[in-house]
């Protein structure tokens, strides 16, 4: 049942139904599993909650150091946060 609900959340995210995915995810009891934190990270990333997404993906990497998907998502977020557009500062 637990994994089915996480799978459903992943399906909804893939279908670009982030709000619905978030509602289903919020009804799932938190568990200390890499899968739970990965799905949490994806949802937080969708809603641009960068700090929460970083924490979730970092937790995945702590549990599974070779998790390439979590590493890639963390890298994407870091690039977004480090982005600087010099034109914004040039009047």
N, C-alpha and C. Protein backbone atom coordinates (compact mmCIF):
# COMPACT_ATOMS: atom_id res chain seq x y z
N UNK A 1 0.83 -1.20 0.00
CA UNK A 1 0.00 0.00 0.00
C UNK A 1 0.87 1.26 0.00
N UNK A 2 1.89 1.28 0.87
CA UNK A 2 2.77 2.43 0.98
C UNK A 2 3.47 2.71 -0.35
N UNK A 3 4.09 1.68 -0.92
CA UNK A 3 4.80 1.85 -2.20
C UNK A 3 3.84 2.20 -3.32
N UNK A 4 2.64 1.67 -3.27
CA UNK A 4 1.64 2.01 -4.29
C UNK A 4 1.32 3.50 -4.26
N UNK A 5 1.22 4.05 -3.06
CA UNK A 5 0.92 5.48 -2.94
C UNK A 5 2.09 6.32 -3.44
N UNK A 6 3.32 5.92 -3.12
CA UNK A 6 4.48 6.64 -3.65
C UNK A 6 4.54 6.53 -5.17
N UNK A 7 4.21 5.36 -5.70
CA UNK A 7 4.18 5.19 -7.16
C UNK A 7 3.13 6.10 -7.77
N UNK A 8 1.98 6.22 -7.12
CA UNK A 8 0.92 7.10 -7.61
C UNK A 8 1.38 8.55 -7.64
N UNK A 9 2.09 8.96 -6.60
CA UNK A 9 2.62 10.32 -6.57
C UNK A 9 3.58 10.54 -7.74
N UNK A 10 4.46 9.57 -7.98
CA UNK A 10 5.41 9.67 -9.09
C UNK A 10 4.68 9.75 -10.43
N UNK A 11 3.61 8.98 -10.58
CA UNK A 11 2.81 9.03 -11.82
C UNK A 11 2.19 10.41 -12.01
N UNK A 12 1.64 10.96 -10.94
CA UNK A 12 1.01 12.28 -11.03
C UNK A 12 2.04 13.36 -11.38
N UNK A 13 3.22 13.25 -10.82
CA UNK A 13 4.28 14.21 -11.16
C UNK A 13 4.63 14.10 -12.63
N UNK A 14 4.76 12.87 -13.12
CA UNK A 14 5.07 12.64 -14.55
C UNK A 14 3.98 13.20 -15.45
N UNK A 15 2.76 13.20 -14.96
CA UNK A 15 1.62 13.73 -15.72
C UNK A 15 1.46 15.24 -15.53
N UNK A 16 2.43 15.87 -14.87
CA UNK A 16 2.40 17.31 -14.58
C UNK A 16 1.20 17.71 -13.73
N UNK A 17 0.82 16.86 -12.80
CA UNK A 17 -0.28 17.13 -11.87
C UNK A 17 0.32 17.31 -10.47
N UNK A 18 1.11 18.35 -10.33
CA UNK A 18 1.89 18.56 -9.10
C UNK A 18 1.01 18.79 -7.87
N UNK A 19 -0.05 19.57 -8.02
CA UNK A 19 -0.92 19.83 -6.86
C UNK A 19 -1.57 18.55 -6.35
N UNK A 20 -2.05 17.75 -7.29
CA UNK A 20 -2.68 16.48 -6.91
C UNK A 20 -1.63 15.55 -6.28
N UNK A 21 -0.43 15.53 -6.85
CA UNK A 21 0.66 14.71 -6.31
C UNK A 21 1.00 15.14 -4.89
N UNK A 22 1.03 16.44 -4.67
CA UNK A 22 1.34 16.96 -3.34
C UNK A 22 0.29 16.53 -2.32
N UNK A 23 -0.97 16.58 -2.72
CA UNK A 23 -2.05 16.18 -1.81
C UNK A 23 -1.93 14.70 -1.43
N UNK A 24 -1.68 13.85 -2.42
CA UNK A 24 -1.53 12.42 -2.15
C UNK A 24 -0.31 12.18 -1.26
N UNK A 25 0.79 12.87 -1.57
CA UNK A 25 2.03 12.70 -0.79
C UNK A 25 1.83 13.12 0.66
N UNK A 26 1.12 14.22 0.87
CA UNK A 26 0.90 14.72 2.23
C UNK A 26 0.09 13.75 3.08
N UNK A 27 -0.65 12.85 2.46
CA UNK A 27 -1.42 11.85 3.19
C UNK A 27 -0.61 10.59 3.52
N UNK A 28 0.62 10.53 3.03
CA UNK A 28 1.48 9.38 3.28
C UNK A 28 2.26 9.63 4.57
N UNK A 29 2.31 8.64 5.42
CA UNK A 29 3.11 8.76 6.64
C UNK A 29 4.58 8.80 6.28
N UNK A 30 5.31 9.76 6.84
CA UNK A 30 6.74 9.85 6.54
C UNK A 30 7.49 8.58 6.97
N UNK A 31 8.40 8.16 6.13
CA UNK A 31 9.26 7.02 6.45
C UNK A 31 10.69 7.38 6.12
N UNK A 32 11.59 6.81 6.83
CA UNK A 32 13.02 7.06 6.62
C UNK A 32 13.55 6.15 5.51
N UNK A 33 13.02 6.35 4.30
CA UNK A 33 13.51 5.58 3.16
C UNK A 33 13.99 6.54 2.08
N UNK A 34 14.94 6.07 1.29
CA UNK A 34 15.46 6.90 0.20
C UNK A 34 14.34 7.23 -0.79
N UNK A 35 13.48 6.27 -1.06
CA UNK A 35 12.37 6.50 -2.02
C UNK A 35 11.46 7.61 -1.52
N UNK A 36 11.10 7.58 -0.24
CA UNK A 36 10.23 8.61 0.33
C UNK A 36 10.88 9.99 0.15
N UNK A 37 12.16 10.11 0.52
CA UNK A 37 12.83 11.41 0.43
C UNK A 37 13.04 11.85 -1.01
N UNK A 38 13.23 10.90 -1.93
CA UNK A 38 13.38 11.26 -3.33
C UNK A 38 12.08 11.87 -3.86
N UNK A 39 10.97 11.22 -3.58
CA UNK A 39 9.66 11.74 -4.03
C UNK A 39 9.40 13.09 -3.38
N UNK A 40 9.72 13.21 -2.11
CA UNK A 40 9.56 14.50 -1.42
C UNK A 40 10.39 15.58 -2.11
N UNK A 41 11.62 15.24 -2.46
CA UNK A 41 12.49 16.19 -3.15
C UNK A 41 11.92 16.65 -4.48
N UNK A 42 11.37 15.71 -5.23
CA UNK A 42 10.77 16.05 -6.53
C UNK A 42 9.60 17.02 -6.34
N UNK A 43 8.76 16.73 -5.37
CA UNK A 43 7.60 17.60 -5.12
C UNK A 43 8.06 18.99 -4.69
N UNK A 44 8.99 19.05 -3.77
CA UNK A 44 9.49 20.35 -3.31
C UNK A 44 10.14 21.12 -4.46
N UNK A 45 10.82 20.41 -5.32
CA UNK A 45 11.46 21.03 -6.49
C UNK A 45 10.39 21.60 -7.42
N UNK A 46 9.30 20.88 -7.63
CA UNK A 46 8.22 21.35 -8.49
C UNK A 46 7.63 22.67 -8.00
N UNK A 47 7.58 22.82 -6.66
CA UNK A 47 7.00 24.03 -6.08
C UNK A 47 8.07 25.06 -5.71
N UNK A 48 9.28 24.84 -6.19
CA UNK A 48 10.42 25.74 -5.99
C UNK A 48 10.72 25.99 -4.52
N UNK A 49 10.48 24.99 -3.70
CA UNK A 49 10.87 25.04 -2.29
C UNK A 49 12.29 24.48 -2.22
N UNK A 50 13.24 25.32 -2.64
CA UNK A 50 14.60 24.86 -2.87
C UNK A 50 15.25 24.27 -1.63
N UNK A 51 15.11 24.90 -0.49
CA UNK A 51 15.74 24.40 0.73
C UNK A 51 15.23 23.03 1.11
N UNK A 52 13.91 22.83 1.05
CA UNK A 52 13.33 21.54 1.38
C UNK A 52 13.74 20.48 0.36
N UNK A 53 13.83 20.87 -0.91
CA UNK A 53 14.25 19.93 -1.95
C UNK A 53 15.71 19.52 -1.74
N UNK A 54 16.56 20.49 -1.43
CA UNK A 54 17.97 20.19 -1.18
C UNK A 54 18.10 19.24 0.00
N UNK A 55 17.35 19.51 1.07
CA UNK A 55 17.41 18.63 2.25
C UNK A 55 16.96 17.21 1.91
N UNK A 56 15.89 17.09 1.13
CA UNK A 56 15.37 15.76 0.77
C UNK A 56 16.37 15.00 -0.10
N UNK A 57 16.90 15.65 -1.13
CA UNK A 57 17.86 14.98 -2.01
C UNK A 57 19.16 14.66 -1.27
N UNK A 58 19.57 15.53 -0.36
CA UNK A 58 20.77 15.26 0.45
C UNK A 58 20.56 14.03 1.32
N UNK A 59 19.36 13.89 1.85
CA UNK A 59 19.03 12.72 2.67
C UNK A 59 19.11 11.44 1.82
N UNK A 60 18.62 11.51 0.58
CA UNK A 60 18.70 10.36 -0.32
C UNK A 60 20.17 9.99 -0.54
N UNK A 61 20.99 10.99 -0.82
CA UNK A 61 22.41 10.74 -1.10
C UNK A 61 23.12 10.19 0.14
N UNK A 62 22.69 10.65 1.32
CA UNK A 62 23.24 10.12 2.56
C UNK A 62 22.93 8.63 2.70
N UNK A 63 21.71 8.24 2.31
CA UNK A 63 21.29 6.84 2.41
C UNK A 63 21.82 5.99 1.26
N UNK A 64 21.87 6.60 0.08
CA UNK A 64 22.33 5.90 -1.13
C UNK A 64 23.33 6.80 -1.85
N UNK A 65 24.60 6.76 -1.44
CA UNK A 65 25.60 7.67 -2.01
C UNK A 65 25.74 7.62 -3.53
N UNK A 66 25.36 6.53 -4.15
CA UNK A 66 25.50 6.42 -5.60
C UNK A 66 24.20 6.69 -6.36
N UNK A 67 23.24 7.30 -5.70
CA UNK A 67 21.95 7.60 -6.36
C UNK A 67 22.15 8.77 -7.32
N UNK A 68 22.28 8.45 -8.60
CA UNK A 68 22.59 9.44 -9.63
C UNK A 68 21.45 10.44 -9.81
N UNK A 69 20.21 9.96 -9.75
CA UNK A 69 19.06 10.86 -9.94
C UNK A 69 19.04 11.94 -8.86
N UNK A 70 19.25 11.57 -7.63
CA UNK A 70 19.26 12.54 -6.54
C UNK A 70 20.43 13.52 -6.71
N UNK A 71 21.59 13.00 -7.10
CA UNK A 71 22.75 13.86 -7.34
C UNK A 71 22.46 14.86 -8.46
N UNK A 72 21.84 14.38 -9.53
CA UNK A 72 21.52 15.26 -10.66
C UNK A 72 20.52 16.34 -10.27
N UNK A 73 19.48 15.96 -9.53
CA UNK A 73 18.48 16.94 -9.11
C UNK A 73 19.09 17.97 -8.17
N UNK A 74 19.96 17.53 -7.29
CA UNK A 74 20.64 18.45 -6.38
C UNK A 74 21.51 19.42 -7.18
N UNK A 75 22.19 18.90 -8.18
CA UNK A 75 23.05 19.74 -9.03
C UNK A 75 22.20 20.78 -9.79
N UNK A 76 21.06 20.38 -10.31
CA UNK A 76 20.17 21.30 -11.02
C UNK A 76 19.73 22.44 -10.09
N UNK A 77 19.34 22.09 -8.89
CA UNK A 77 18.89 23.11 -7.93
C UNK A 77 20.04 24.06 -7.60
N UNK A 78 21.22 23.52 -7.38
CA UNK A 78 22.37 24.37 -7.06
C UNK A 78 22.68 25.32 -8.22
N UNK A 79 22.54 24.84 -9.46
CA UNK A 79 22.75 25.70 -10.62
C UNK A 79 21.70 26.81 -10.68
N UNK A 80 20.46 26.47 -10.37
CA UNK A 80 19.40 27.47 -10.36
C UNK A 80 19.71 28.55 -9.31
N UNK A 81 20.10 28.12 -8.13
CA UNK A 81 20.37 29.06 -7.05
C UNK A 81 21.63 29.88 -7.29
N UNK A 82 22.57 29.34 -8.04
CA UNK A 82 23.82 30.06 -8.32
C UNK A 82 23.75 30.91 -9.58
N UNK A 83 22.64 30.83 -10.29
CA UNK A 83 22.50 31.56 -11.55
C UNK A 83 22.60 33.06 -11.29
N UNK A 84 23.37 33.71 -12.09
CA UNK A 84 23.50 35.16 -11.98
C UNK A 84 23.39 35.74 -13.39
N UNK A 85 22.49 36.68 -13.55
CA UNK A 85 22.33 37.34 -14.84
C UNK A 85 22.93 38.73 -14.73
N UNK A 86 24.13 38.93 -15.27
CA UNK A 86 24.80 40.25 -15.15
C UNK A 86 23.98 41.38 -15.75
N UNK A 87 23.17 41.09 -16.74
CA UNK A 87 22.35 42.13 -17.37
C UNK A 87 21.36 42.76 -16.39
N UNK A 88 20.97 42.01 -15.36
CA UNK A 88 20.03 42.55 -14.37
C UNK A 88 20.66 43.71 -13.60
N UNK A 89 21.98 43.71 -13.50
CA UNK A 89 22.67 44.72 -12.70
C UNK A 89 23.27 45.83 -13.57
N UNK A 90 23.00 45.78 -14.86
CA UNK A 90 23.55 46.77 -15.79
C UNK A 90 22.42 47.66 -16.30
N UNK A 91 22.22 48.81 -15.69
CA UNK A 91 21.09 49.67 -16.10
C UNK A 91 21.21 50.26 -17.46
